[in-house]
Amino acid sequence: MSVDLNRLKHFSMTYVFVEDEDVVCEYEQTEQDPVVAPDGNSVSFSLRNIDQNEDTDIYSVVLVKKADDEFYIKSDYFDDANEPYPLDVETSDDDVKFILEGEDEDMYLYGFFE
């Protein structure tokens, strides 16, 4: 299924630390609406931690679509904000789950349809 970034209206992210699955960080999109590039191949938005006692920063995220099944994420959440990290993609009728598996943590970015 092709993912139309124009249809994704809200984003959230879950970070799971692999060594201790009890440690999970939840992030929600800020009030500002996502901005889709004119060519429809990227969308920008900001995320903040749901638990503001844990992390008060706001992170910029760019989700890039290179092909129907090829997506990358760039974010100042990562050490190198300009590094594009490849994502696995799972789609359903309600949302799209973008998955980044790391050595120590897994990230699940959810994009919800209108």
PDB file of N, CA and C in Angstrom:
ATOM      1  N   MET A   1       0.841  -1.186   0.000  1.00  0.00           N
ATOM      2  CA  MET A   1       0.000   0.000   0.000  1.00  0.00           C
ATOM      3  C   MET A   1       0.883   1.245   0.000  1.00  0.00           C
ATOM      4  N   SER A   2       0.604   2.139  -0.897  1.00  0.00           N
ATOM      5  CA  SER A   2       1.347   3.391  -0.964  1.00  0.00           C
ATOM      6  C   SER A   2       0.881   4.327   0.155  1.00  0.00           C
ATOM      7  N   VAL A   3       1.817   5.023   0.757  1.00  0.00           N
ATOM      8  CA  VAL A   3       1.502   5.947   1.842  1.00  0.00           C
ATOM      9  C   VAL A   3       1.486   7.370   1.285  1.00  0.00           C
ATOM     10  N   ASP A   4       0.346   8.030   1.392  1.00  0.00           N
ATOM     11  CA  ASP A   4       0.195   9.420   0.979  1.00  0.00           C
ATOM     12  C   ASP A   4       0.434  10.290   2.209  1.00  0.00           C
ATOM     13  N   LEU A   5       1.574  10.979   2.248  1.00  0.00           N
ATOM     14  CA  LEU A   5       1.919  11.790   3.417  1.00  0.00           C
ATOM     15  C   LEU A   5       0.919  12.910   3.661  1.00  0.00           C
ATOM     16  N   ASN A   6       0.195  13.342   2.637  1.00  0.00           N
ATOM     17  CA  ASN A   6      -0.830  14.384   2.803  1.00  0.00           C
ATOM     18  C   ASN A   6      -1.986  13.905   3.676  1.00  0.00           C
ATOM     19  N   ARG A   7      -2.189  12.605   3.760  1.00  0.00           N
ATOM     20  CA  ARG A   7      -3.302  12.063   4.556  1.00  0.00           C
ATOM     21  C   ARG A   7      -2.950  11.875   6.028  1.00  0.00           C
ATOM     22  N   LEU A   8      -1.670  11.952   6.383  1.00  0.00           N
ATOM     23  CA  LEU A   8      -1.259  11.776   7.771  1.00  0.00           C
ATOM     24  C   LEU A   8      -1.410  13.100   8.502  1.00  0.00           C
ATOM     25  N   LYS A   9      -2.289  13.120   9.492  1.00  0.00           N
ATOM     26  CA  LYS A   9      -2.654  14.376  10.150  1.00  0.00           C
ATOM     27  C   LYS A   9      -2.116  14.505  11.563  1.00  0.00           C
ATOM     28  N   HIS A  10      -1.652  13.407  12.147  1.00  0.00           N
ATOM     29  CA  HIS A  10      -1.158  13.462  13.526  1.00  0.00           C
ATOM     30  C   HIS A  10      -0.104  12.381  13.708  1.00  0.00           C
ATOM     31  N   PHE A  11       0.908  12.689  14.532  1.00  0.00           N
ATOM     32  CA  PHE A  11       1.997  11.757  14.760  1.00  0.00           C
ATOM     33  C   PHE A  11       2.243  11.565  16.253  1.00  0.00           C
ATOM     34  N   SER A  12       2.671  10.363  16.600  1.00  0.00           N
ATOM     35  CA  SER A  12       3.160  10.086  17.947  1.00  0.00           C
ATOM     36  C   SER A  12       4.323   9.108  17.816  1.00  0.00           C
ATOM     37  N   MET A  13       5.145   9.051  18.859  1.00  0.00           N
ATOM     38  CA  MET A  13       6.320   8.184  18.818  1.00  0.00           C
ATOM     39  C   MET A  13       6.472   7.477  20.152  1.00  0.00           C
ATOM     40  N   THR A  14       6.842   6.215  20.079  1.00  0.00           N
ATOM     41  CA  THR A  14       7.160   5.431  21.267  1.00  0.00           C
ATOM     42  C   THR A  14       8.583   4.934  21.131  1.00  0.00           C
ATOM     43  N   TYR A  15       9.363   5.168  22.167  1.00  0.00           N
ATOM     44  CA  TYR A  15      10.751   4.701  22.213  1.00  0.00           C
ATOM     45  C   TYR A  15      10.843   3.627  23.280  1.00  0.00           C
ATOM     46  N   VAL A  16      11.302   2.433  22.901  1.00  0.00           N
ATOM     47  CA  VAL A  16      11.424   1.320  23.840  1.00  0.00           C
ATOM     48  C   VAL A  16      12.898   0.969  23.963  1.00  0.00           C
ATOM     49  N   PHE A  17      13.401   0.978  25.178  1.00  0.00           N
ATOM     50  CA  PHE A  17      14.793   0.609  25.416  1.00  0.00           C
ATOM     51  C   PHE A  17      14.873  -0.903  25.528  1.00  0.00           C
ATOM     52  N   VAL A  18      15.603  -1.529  24.611  1.00  0.00           N
ATOM     53  CA  VAL A  18      15.613  -2.974  24.413  1.00  0.00           C
ATOM     54  C   VAL A  18      16.075  -3.730  25.655  1.00  0.00           C
ATOM     55  N   GLU A  19      17.112  -3.246  26.309  1.00  0.00           N
ATOM     56  CA  GLU A  19      17.651  -3.963  27.459  1.00  0.00           C
ATOM     57  C   GLU A  19      16.696  -3.964  28.641  1.00  0.00           C
ATOM     58  N   ASP A  20      15.856  -2.968  28.741  1.00  0.00           N
ATOM     59  CA  ASP A  20      14.898  -2.868  29.837  1.00  0.00           C
ATOM     60  C   ASP A  20      13.563  -2.429  29.254  1.00  0.00           C
ATOM     61  N   GLU A  21      12.750  -3.395  28.828  1.00  0.00           N
ATOM     62  CA  GLU A  21      11.503  -3.070  28.131  1.00  0.00           C
ATOM     63  C   GLU A  21      10.500  -2.318  28.995  1.00  0.00           C
ATOM     64  N   ASP A  22      10.808  -2.183  30.294  1.00  0.00           N
ATOM     65  CA  ASP A  22       9.943  -1.391  31.159  1.00  0.00           C
ATOM     66  C   ASP A  22      10.171   0.107  30.957  1.00  0.00           C
ATOM     67  N   VAL A  23      11.274   0.463  30.309  1.00  0.00           N
ATOM     68  CA  VAL A  23      11.578   1.869  30.077  1.00  0.00           C
ATOM     69  C   VAL A  23      11.065   2.248  28.685  1.00  0.00           C
ATOM     70  N   VAL A  24      10.020   3.049  28.690  1.00  0.00           N
ATOM     71  CA  VAL A  24       9.380   3.482  27.449  1.00  0.00           C
ATOM     72  C   VAL A  24       9.187   4.993  27.532  1.00  0.00           C
ATOM     73  N   CYS A  25       9.521   5.686  26.453  1.00  0.00           N
ATOM     74  CA  CYS A  25       9.276   7.123  26.362  1.00  0.00           C
ATOM     75  C   CYS A  25       8.212   7.352  25.295  1.00  0.00           C
ATOM     76  N   GLU A  26       7.217   8.154  25.635  1.00  0.00           N
ATOM     77  CA  GLU A  26       6.113   8.453  24.719  1.00  0.00           C
ATOM     78  C   GLU A  26       6.170   9.915  24.302  1.00  0.00           C
ATOM     79  N   TYR A  27       6.066  10.153  23.008  1.00  0.00           N
ATOM     80  CA  TYR A  27       6.100  11.505  22.459  1.00  0.00           C
ATOM     81  C   TYR A  27       4.846  11.750  21.629  1.00  0.00           C
ATOM     82  N   GLU A  28       4.333  12.966  21.715  1.00  0.00           N
ATOM     83  CA  GLU A  28       3.156  13.373  20.945  1.00  0.00           C
ATOM     84  C   GLU A  28       3.495  14.591  20.111  1.00  0.00           C
ATOM     85  N   GLN A  29       2.794  14.718  19.017  1.00  0.00           N
ATOM     86  CA  GLN A  29       2.946  15.896  18.158  1.00  0.00           C
ATOM     87  C   GLN A  29       2.536  17.143  18.923  1.00  0.00           C
ATOM     88  N   THR A  30       3.249  18.235  18.682  1.00  0.00           N
ATOM     89  CA  THR A  30       2.867  19.515  19.281  1.00  0.00           C
ATOM     90  C   THR A  30       1.614  20.040  18.571  1.00  0.00           C
ATOM     91  N   GLU A  31       1.121  21.179  19.017  1.00  0.00           N
ATOM     92  CA  GLU A  31      -0.117  21.738  18.473  1.00  0.00           C
ATOM     93  C   GLU A  31      -0.015  22.112  16.994  1.00  0.00           C
ATOM     94  N   GLN A  32       1.180  22.424  16.539  1.00  0.00           N
ATOM     95  CA  GLN A  32       1.368  22.837  15.143  1.00  0.00           C
ATOM     96  C   GLN A  32       1.093  21.660  14.200  1.00  0.00           C
ATOM     97  N   ASP A  33       0.325  21.916  13.143  1.00  0.00           N
ATOM     98  CA  ASP A  33       0.007  20.878  12.162  1.00  0.00           C
ATOM     99  C   ASP A  33       1.250  20.452  11.386  1.00  0.00           C
ATOM    100  N   PRO A  34       1.289  19.195  10.940  1.00  0.00           N
ATOM    101  CA  PRO A  34       2.393  18.744  10.086  1.00  0.00           C
ATOM    102  C   PRO A  34       2.406  19.534   8.775  1.00  0.00           C
ATOM    103  N   VAL A  35       3.597  19.737   8.221  1.00  0.00           N
ATOM    104  CA  VAL A  35       3.750  20.468   6.965  1.00  0.00           C
ATOM    105  C   VAL A  35       4.318  19.517   5.916  1.00  0.00           C
ATOM    106  N   VAL A  36       3.549  19.293   4.861  1.00  0.00           N
ATOM    107  CA  VAL A  36       3.969  18.423   3.772  1.00  0.00           C
ATOM    108  C   VAL A  36       4.634  19.279   2.696  1.00  0.00           C
ATOM    109  N   ALA A  37       5.781  18.814   2.203  1.00  0.00           N
ATOM    110  CA  ALA A  37       6.488  19.528   1.139  1.00  0.00           C
ATOM    111  C   ALA A  37       5.617  19.564  -0.118  1.00  0.00           C
ATOM    112  N   PRO A  38       5.788  20.591  -0.954  1.00  0.00           N
ATOM    113  CA  PRO A  38       4.977  20.708  -2.181  1.00  0.00           C
ATOM    114  C   PRO A  38       5.018  19.468  -3.077  1.00  0.00           C
ATOM    115  N   ASP A  39       6.155  18.755  -3.108  1.00  0.00           N
ATOM    116  CA  ASP A  39       6.238  17.549  -3.943  1.00  0.00           C
ATOM    117  C   ASP A  39       5.604  16.323  -3.283  1.00  0.00           C
ATOM    118  N   GLY A  40       5.168  16.468  -2.017  1.00  0.00           N
ATOM    119  CA  GLY A  40       4.500  15.378  -1.310  1.00  0.00           C
ATOM    120  C   GLY A  40       5.418  14.276  -0.835  1.00  0.00           C
ATOM    121  N   ASN A  41       6.740  14.492  -0.903  1.00  0.00           N
ATOM    122  CA  ASN A  41       7.687  13.436  -0.545  1.00  0.00           C
ATOM    123  C   ASN A  41       8.328  13.591   0.831  1.00  0.00           C
ATOM    124  N   SER A  42       7.888  14.571   1.598  1.00  0.00           N
ATOM    125  CA  SER A  42       8.360  14.687   2.975  1.00  0.00           C
ATOM    126  C   SER A  42       7.321  15.442   3.796  1.00  0.00           C
ATOM    127  N   VAL A  43       7.352  15.181   5.090  1.00  0.00           N
ATOM    128  CA  VAL A  43       6.470  15.880   6.015  1.00  0.00           C
ATOM    129  C   VAL A  43       7.290  16.245   7.251  1.00  0.00           C
ATOM    130  N   SER A  44       7.092  17.473   7.731  1.00  0.00           N
ATOM    131  CA  SER A  44       7.810  17.971   8.908  1.00  0.00           C
ATOM    132  C   SER A  44       6.818  18.207  10.039  1.00  0.00           C
ATOM    133  N   PHE A  45       7.252  17.912  11.251  1.00  0.00           N
ATOM    134  CA  PHE A  45       6.414  18.128  12.437  1.00  0.00           C
ATOM    135  C   PHE A  45       7.315  18.137  13.663  1.00  0.00           C
ATOM    136  N   SER A  46       6.743  18.469  14.806  1.00  0.00           N
ATOM    137  CA  SER A  46       7.490  18.495  16.064  1.00  0.00           C
ATOM    138  C   SER A  46       6.844  17.560  17.067  1.00  0.00           C
ATOM    139  N   LEU A  47       7.692  16.964  17.897  1.00  0.00           N
ATOM    140  CA  LEU A  47       7.231  16.060  18.944  1.00  0.00           C
ATOM    141  C   LEU A  47       7.747  16.526  20.297  1.00  0.00           C
ATOM    142  N   ARG A  48       6.960  16.237  21.332  1.00  0.00           N
ATOM    143  CA  ARG A  48       7.400  16.505  22.708  1.00  0.00           C
ATOM    144  C   ARG A  48       7.028  15.317  23.574  1.00  0.00           C
ATOM    145  N   ASN A  49       7.814  15.118  24.618  1.00  0.00           N
ATOM    146  CA  ASN A  49       7.568  14.022  25.548  1.00  0.00           C
ATOM    147  C   ASN A  49       6.257  14.276  26.282  1.00  0.00           C
ATOM    148  N   ILE A  50       5.457  13.224  26.412  1.00  0.00           N
ATOM    149  CA  ILE A  50       4.199  13.343  27.155  1.00  0.00           C
ATOM    150  C   ILE A  50       4.489  13.685  28.608  1.00  0.00           C
ATOM    151  N   ASP A  51       5.558  13.102  29.162  1.00  0.00           N
ATOM    152  CA  ASP A  51       5.961  13.367  30.540  1.00  0.00           C
ATOM    153  C   ASP A  51       6.956  14.528  30.545  1.00  0.00           C
ATOM    154  N   GLN A  52       6.455  15.726  30.741  1.00  0.00           N
ATOM    155  CA  GLN A  52       7.307  16.910  30.712  1.00  0.00           C
ATOM    156  C   GLN A  52       8.286  16.960  31.883  1.00  0.00           C
ATOM    157  N   ASN A  53       8.088  16.137  32.914  1.00  0.00           N
ATOM    158  CA  ASN A  53       9.063  16.036  34.001  1.00  0.00           C
ATOM    159  C   ASN A  53      10.288  15.253  33.555  1.00  0.00           C
ATOM    160  N   GLU A  54      10.120  14.413  32.560  1.00  0.00           N
ATOM    161  CA  GLU A  54      11.197  13.565  32.056  1.00  0.00           C
ATOM    162  C   GLU A  54      12.041  14.287  31.004  1.00  0.00           C
ATOM    163  N   ASP A  55      11.385  15.042  30.134  1.00  0.00           N
ATOM    164  CA  ASP A  55      12.067  15.688  29.009  1.00  0.00           C
ATOM    165  C   ASP A  55      11.200  16.845  28.529  1.00  0.00           C
ATOM    166  N   THR A  56      11.743  18.057  28.569  1.00  0.00           N
ATOM    167  CA  THR A  56      10.952  19.231  28.178  1.00  0.00           C
ATOM    168  C   THR A  56      11.284  19.733  26.777  1.00  0.00           C
ATOM    169  N   ASP A  57      12.237  19.090  26.103  1.00  0.00           N
ATOM    170  CA  ASP A  57      12.630  19.539  24.769  1.00  0.00           C
ATOM    171  C   ASP A  57      11.547  19.243  23.738  1.00  0.00           C
ATOM    172  N   ILE A  58      11.548  20.027  22.676  1.00  0.00           N
ATOM    173  CA  ILE A  58      10.700  19.788  21.506  1.00  0.00           C
ATOM    174  C   ILE A  58      11.633  19.395  20.368  1.00  0.00           C
ATOM    175  N   TYR A  59      11.301  18.297  19.685  1.00  0.00           N
ATOM    176  CA  TYR A  59      12.164  17.743  18.651  1.00  0.00           C
ATOM    177  C   TYR A  59      11.532  17.927  17.270  1.00  0.00           C
ATOM    178  N   SER A  60      12.333  18.421  16.336  1.00  0.00           N
ATOM    179  CA  SER A  60      11.905  18.555  14.950  1.00  0.00           C
ATOM    180  C   SER A  60      12.123  17.227  14.239  1.00  0.00           C
ATOM    181  N   VAL A  61      11.142  16.841  13.441  1.00  0.00           N
ATOM    182  CA  VAL A  61      11.201  15.565  12.724  1.00  0.00           C
ATOM    183  C   VAL A  61      10.865  15.817  11.258  1.00  0.00           C
ATOM    184  N   VAL A  62      11.611  15.168  10.370  1.00  0.00           N
ATOM    185  CA  VAL A  62      11.292  15.173   8.941  1.00  0.00           C
ATOM    186  C   VAL A  62      11.205  13.714   8.510  1.00  0.00           C
ATOM    187  N   LEU A  63      10.061  13.351   7.987  1.00  0.00           N
ATOM    188  CA  LEU A  63       9.830  12.016   7.459  1.00  0.00           C
ATOM    189  C   LEU A  63       9.907  12.122   5.944  1.00  0.00           C
ATOM    190  N   VAL A  64      10.824  11.355   5.338  1.00  0.00           N
ATOM    191  CA  VAL A  64      11.102  11.459   3.911  1.00  0.00           C
ATOM    192  C   VAL A  64      10.683  10.176   3.202  1.00  0.00           C
ATOM    193  N   LYS A  65       9.935  10.348   2.111  1.00  0.00           N
ATOM    194  CA  LYS A  65       9.506   9.220   1.279  1.00  0.00           C
ATOM    195  C   LYS A  65      10.353   9.202   0.010  1.00  0.00           C
ATOM    196  N   LYS A  66      11.187   8.164  -0.123  1.00  0.00           N
ATOM    197  CA  LYS A  66      12.032   8.026  -1.327  1.00  0.00           C
ATOM    198  C   LYS A  66      11.325   7.212  -2.407  1.00  0.00           C
ATOM    199  N   ALA A  67      10.479   6.274  -1.997  1.00  0.00           N
ATOM    200  CA  ALA A  67       9.707   5.420  -2.899  1.00  0.00           C
ATOM    201  C   ALA A  67       8.500   4.924  -2.105  1.00  0.00           C
ATOM    202  N   ASP A  68       7.586   4.195  -2.757  1.00  0.00           N
ATOM    203  CA  ASP A  68       6.380   3.730  -2.072  1.00  0.00           C
ATOM    204  C   ASP A  68       6.676   2.948  -0.801  1.00  0.00           C
ATOM    205  N   ASP A  69       7.789   2.224  -0.795  1.00  0.00           N
ATOM    206  CA  ASP A  69       8.116   1.407   0.373  1.00  0.00           C
ATOM    207  C   ASP A  69       9.477   1.758   0.968  1.00  0.00           C
ATOM    208  N   GLU A  70       9.942   2.981   0.730  1.00  0.00           N
ATOM    209  CA  GLU A  70      11.252   3.405   1.229  1.00  0.00           C
ATOM    210  C   GLU A  70      11.118   4.758   1.932  1.00  0.00           C
ATOM    211  N   PHE A  71      11.265   4.731   3.262  1.00  0.00           N
ATOM    212  CA  PHE A  71      11.119   5.930   4.081  1.00  0.00           C
ATOM    213  C   PHE A  71      12.339   6.118   4.969  1.00  0.00           C
ATOM    214  N   TYR A  72      12.614   7.387   5.289  1.00  0.00           N
ATOM    215  CA  TYR A  72      13.721   7.747   6.164  1.00  0.00           C
ATOM    216  C   TYR A  72      13.234   8.793   7.158  1.00  0.00           C
ATOM    217  N   ILE A  73      13.910   8.854   8.301  1.00  0.00           N
ATOM    218  CA  ILE A  73      13.606   9.877   9.300  1.00  0.00           C
ATOM    219  C   ILE A  73      14.878  10.660   9.594  1.00  0.00           C
ATOM    220  N   LYS A  74      14.708  11.978   9.738  1.00  0.00           N
ATOM    221  CA  LYS A  74      15.763  12.866  10.223  1.00  0.00           C
ATOM    222  C   LYS A  74      15.165  13.614  11.406  1.00  0.00           C
ATOM    223  N   SER A  75      15.966  13.787  12.447  1.00  0.00           N
ATOM    224  CA  SER A  75      15.440  14.488  13.617  1.00  0.00           C
ATOM    225  C   SER A  75      16.575  14.969  14.509  1.00  0.00           C
ATOM    226  N   ASP A  76      16.360  16.106  15.158  1.00  0.00           N
ATOM    227  CA  ASP A  76      17.328  16.567  16.142  1.00  0.00           C
ATOM    228  C   ASP A  76      17.223  15.777  17.444  1.00  0.00           C
ATOM    229  N   TYR A  77      16.333  14.814  17.484  1.00  0.00           N
ATOM    230  CA  TYR A  77      16.272  13.871  18.603  1.00  0.00           C
ATOM    231  C   TYR A  77      17.522  12.984  18.584  1.00  0.00           C
ATOM    232  N   PHE A  78      18.035  12.695  17.400  1.00  0.00           N
ATOM    233  CA  PHE A  78      19.207  11.838  17.226  1.00  0.00           C
ATOM    234  C   PHE A  78      20.494  12.652  17.346  1.00  0.00           C
ATOM    235  N   ASP A  79      21.615  11.965  17.542  1.00  0.00           N
ATOM    236  CA  ASP A  79      22.907  12.639  17.665  1.00  0.00           C
ATOM    237  C   ASP A  79      23.233  13.467  16.429  1.00  0.00           C
ATOM    238  N   ASP A  80      22.946  12.918  15.247  1.00  0.00           N
ATOM    239  CA  ASP A  80      23.189  13.633  14.000  1.00  0.00           C
ATOM    240  C   ASP A  80      21.839  13.948  13.348  1.00  0.00           C
ATOM    241  N   ALA A  81      21.402  15.186  13.485  1.00  0.00           N
ATOM    242  CA  ALA A  81      20.074  15.590  13.012  1.00  0.00           C
ATOM    243  C   ALA A  81      19.927  15.502  11.501  1.00  0.00           C
ATOM    244  N   ASN A  82      21.025  15.503  10.767  1.00  0.00           N
ATOM    245  CA  ASN A  82      20.967  15.464   9.305  1.00  0.00           C
ATOM    246  C   ASN A  82      21.101  14.063   8.729  1.00  0.00           C
ATOM    247  N   GLU A  83      21.366  13.099   9.586  1.00  0.00           N
ATOM    248  CA  GLU A  83      21.524  11.709   9.137  1.00  0.00           C
ATOM    249  C   GLU A  83      20.149  11.096   8.854  1.00  0.00           C
ATOM    250  N   PRO A  84      19.914  10.604   7.644  1.00  0.00           N
ATOM    251  CA  PRO A  84      18.638   9.930   7.363  1.00  0.00           C
ATOM    252  C   PRO A  84      18.711   8.465   7.816  1.00  0.00           C
ATOM    253  N   TYR A  85      17.805   8.081   8.693  1.00  0.00           N
ATOM    254  CA  TYR A  85      17.748   6.710   9.195  1.00  0.00           C
ATOM    255  C   TYR A  85      16.626   5.960   8.478  1.00  0.00           C
ATOM    256  N   PRO A  86      16.923   4.785   7.917  1.00  0.00           N
ATOM    257  CA  PRO A  86      15.900   4.030   7.183  1.00  0.00           C
ATOM    258  C   PRO A  86      14.846   3.442   8.121  1.00  0.00           C
ATOM    259  N   LEU A  87      13.606   3.421   7.643  1.00  0.00           N
ATOM    260  CA  LEU A  87      12.479   2.937   8.427  1.00  0.00           C
ATOM    261  C   LEU A  87      11.803   1.758   7.746  1.00  0.00           C
ATOM    262  N   ASP A  88      11.366   0.792   8.550  1.00  0.00           N
ATOM    263  CA  ASP A  88      10.446  -0.231   8.076  1.00  0.00           C
ATOM    264  C   ASP A  88       9.046   0.345   8.210  1.00  0.00           C
ATOM    265  N   VAL A  89       8.112  -0.129   7.398  1.00  0.00           N
ATOM    266  CA  VAL A  89       6.766   0.446   7.379  1.00  0.00           C
ATOM    267  C   VAL A  89       5.714  -0.646   7.465  1.00  0.00           C
ATOM    268  N   GLU A  90       4.720  -0.425   8.337  1.00  0.00           N
ATOM    269  CA  GLU A  90       3.537  -1.282   8.423  1.00  0.00           C
ATOM    270  C   GLU A  90       2.317  -0.385   8.305  1.00  0.00           C
ATOM    271  N   THR A  91       1.357  -0.752   7.448  1.00  0.00           N
ATOM    272  CA  THR A  91       0.169   0.081   7.264  1.00  0.00           C
ATOM    273  C   THR A  91      -1.084  -0.661   7.707  1.00  0.00           C
ATOM    274  N   SER A  92      -2.063   0.114   8.148  1.00  0.00           N
ATOM    275  CA  SER A  92      -3.389  -0.404   8.462  1.00  0.00           C
ATOM    276  C   SER A  92      -4.405   0.611   7.954  1.00  0.00           C
ATOM    277  N   ASP A  93      -5.673   0.360   8.182  1.00  0.00           N
ATOM    278  CA  ASP A  93      -6.715   1.293   7.747  1.00  0.00           C
ATOM    279  C   ASP A  93      -6.681   2.615   8.518  1.00  0.00           C
ATOM    280  N   ASP A  94      -6.148   2.581   9.756  1.00  0.00           N
ATOM    281  CA  ASP A  94      -6.181   3.749  10.628  1.00  0.00           C
ATOM    282  C   ASP A  94      -4.873   4.519  10.710  1.00  0.00           C
ATOM    283  N   ASP A  95      -3.760   3.821  10.485  1.00  0.00           N
ATOM    284  CA  ASP A  95      -2.480   4.485  10.687  1.00  0.00           C
ATOM    285  C   ASP A  95      -1.365   3.803   9.911  1.00  0.00           C
ATOM    286  N   VAL A  96      -0.202   4.426   9.992  1.00  0.00           N
ATOM    287  CA  VAL A  96       1.021   3.871   9.429  1.00  0.00           C
ATOM    288  C   VAL A  96       2.027   3.814  10.569  1.00  0.00           C
ATOM    289  N   LYS A  97       2.683   2.680  10.722  1.00  0.00           N
ATOM    290  CA  LYS A  97       3.712   2.538  11.757  1.00  0.00           C
ATOM    291  C   LYS A  97       5.064   2.481  11.063  1.00  0.00           C
ATOM    292  N   PHE A  98       5.922   3.444  11.402  1.00  0.00           N
ATOM    293  CA  PHE A  98       7.286   3.501  10.897  1.00  0.00           C
ATOM    294  C   PHE A  98       8.197   2.983  12.010  1.00  0.00           C
ATOM    295  N   ILE A  99       9.072   2.050  11.679  1.00  0.00           N
ATOM    296  CA  ILE A  99       9.864   1.367  12.700  1.00  0.00           C
ATOM    297  C   ILE A  99      11.350   1.563  12.436  1.00  0.00           C
ATOM    298  N   LEU A 100      12.057   1.971  13.485  1.00  0.00           N
ATOM    299  CA  LEU A 100      13.507   2.088  13.446  1.00  0.00           C
ATOM    300  C   LEU A 100      14.052   1.211  14.563  1.00  0.00           C
ATOM    301  N   GLU A 101      14.772   0.166  14.175  1.00  0.00           N
ATOM    302  CA  GLU A 101      15.341  -0.745  15.168  1.00  0.00           C
ATOM    303  C   GLU A 101      16.814  -0.433  15.341  1.00  0.00           C
ATOM    304  N   GLY A 102      17.199  -0.148  16.580  1.00  0.00           N
ATOM    305  CA  GLY A 102      18.590   0.140  16.894  1.00  0.00           C
ATOM    306  C   GLY A 102      19.186  -0.961  17.748  1.00  0.00           C
ATOM    307  N   GLU A 103      20.439  -0.785  18.104  1.00  0.00           N
ATOM    308  CA  GLU A 103      21.109  -1.773  18.951  1.00  0.00           C
ATOM    309  C   GLU A 103      20.522  -1.785  20.352  1.00  0.00           C
ATOM    310  N   ASP A 104      20.244  -0.603  20.890  1.00  0.00           N
ATOM    311  CA  ASP A 104      19.809  -0.493  22.278  1.00  0.00           C
ATOM    312  C   ASP A 104      18.349  -0.084  22.451  1.00  0.00           C
ATOM    313  N   GLU A 105      17.725   0.387  21.359  1.00  0.00           N
ATOM    314  CA  GLU A 105      16.342   0.846  21.472  1.00  0.00           C
ATOM    315  C   GLU A 105      15.620   0.675  20.141  1.00  0.00           C
ATOM    316  N   ASP A 106      14.304   0.619  20.240  1.00  0.00           N
ATOM    317  CA  ASP A 106      13.446   0.567  19.062  1.00  0.00           C
ATOM    318  C   ASP A 106      12.534   1.782  19.094  1.00  0.00           C
ATOM    319  N   MET A 107      12.325   2.382  17.926  1.00  0.00           N
ATOM    320  CA  MET A 107      11.454   3.537  17.815  1.00  0.00           C
ATOM    321  C   MET A 107      10.278   3.176  16.928  1.00  0.00           C
ATOM    322  N   TYR A 108       9.087   3.537  17.390  1.00  0.00           N
ATOM    323  CA  TYR A 108       7.863   3.330  16.620  1.00  0.00           C
ATOM    324  C   TYR A 108       7.221   4.699  16.435  1.00  0.00           C
ATOM    325  N   LEU A 109       7.188   5.152  15.200  1.00  0.00           N
ATOM    326  CA  LEU A 109       6.563   6.415  14.854  1.00  0.00           C
ATOM    327  C   LEU A 109       5.240   6.118  14.186  1.00  0.00           C
ATOM    328  N   TYR A 110       4.154   6.614  14.751  1.00  0.00           N
ATOM    329  CA  TYR A 110       2.823   6.373  14.216  1.00  0.00           C
ATOM    330  C   TYR A 110       2.312   7.629  13.517  1.00  0.00           C
ATOM    331  N   GLY A 111       1.844   7.462  12.291  1.00  0.00           N
ATOM    332  CA  GLY A 111       1.183   8.524  11.560  1.00  0.00           C
ATOM    333  C   GLY A 111      -0.281   8.140  11.399  1.00  0.00           C
ATOM    334  N   PHE A 112      -1.169   9.017  11.863  1.00  0.00           N
ATOM    335  CA  PHE A 112      -2.600   8.729  11.849  1.00  0.00           C
ATOM    336  C   PHE A 112      -3.284   9.467  10.707  1.00  0.00           C
ATOM    337  N   PHE A 113      -4.155   8.738  10.004  1.00  0.00           N
ATOM    338  CA  PHE A 113      -4.894   9.307   8.884  1.00  0.00           C
ATOM    339  C   PHE A 113      -5.959  10.263   9.389  1.00  0.00           C
ATOM    340  N   GLU A 114      -6.430  11.133   8.487  1.00  0.00           N
ATOM    341  CA  GLU A 114      -7.478  12.101   8.830  1.00  0.00           C
ATOM    342  C   GLU A 114      -8.769  11.415   9.172  1.00  0.00           C
TER     343      GLU A 114
END
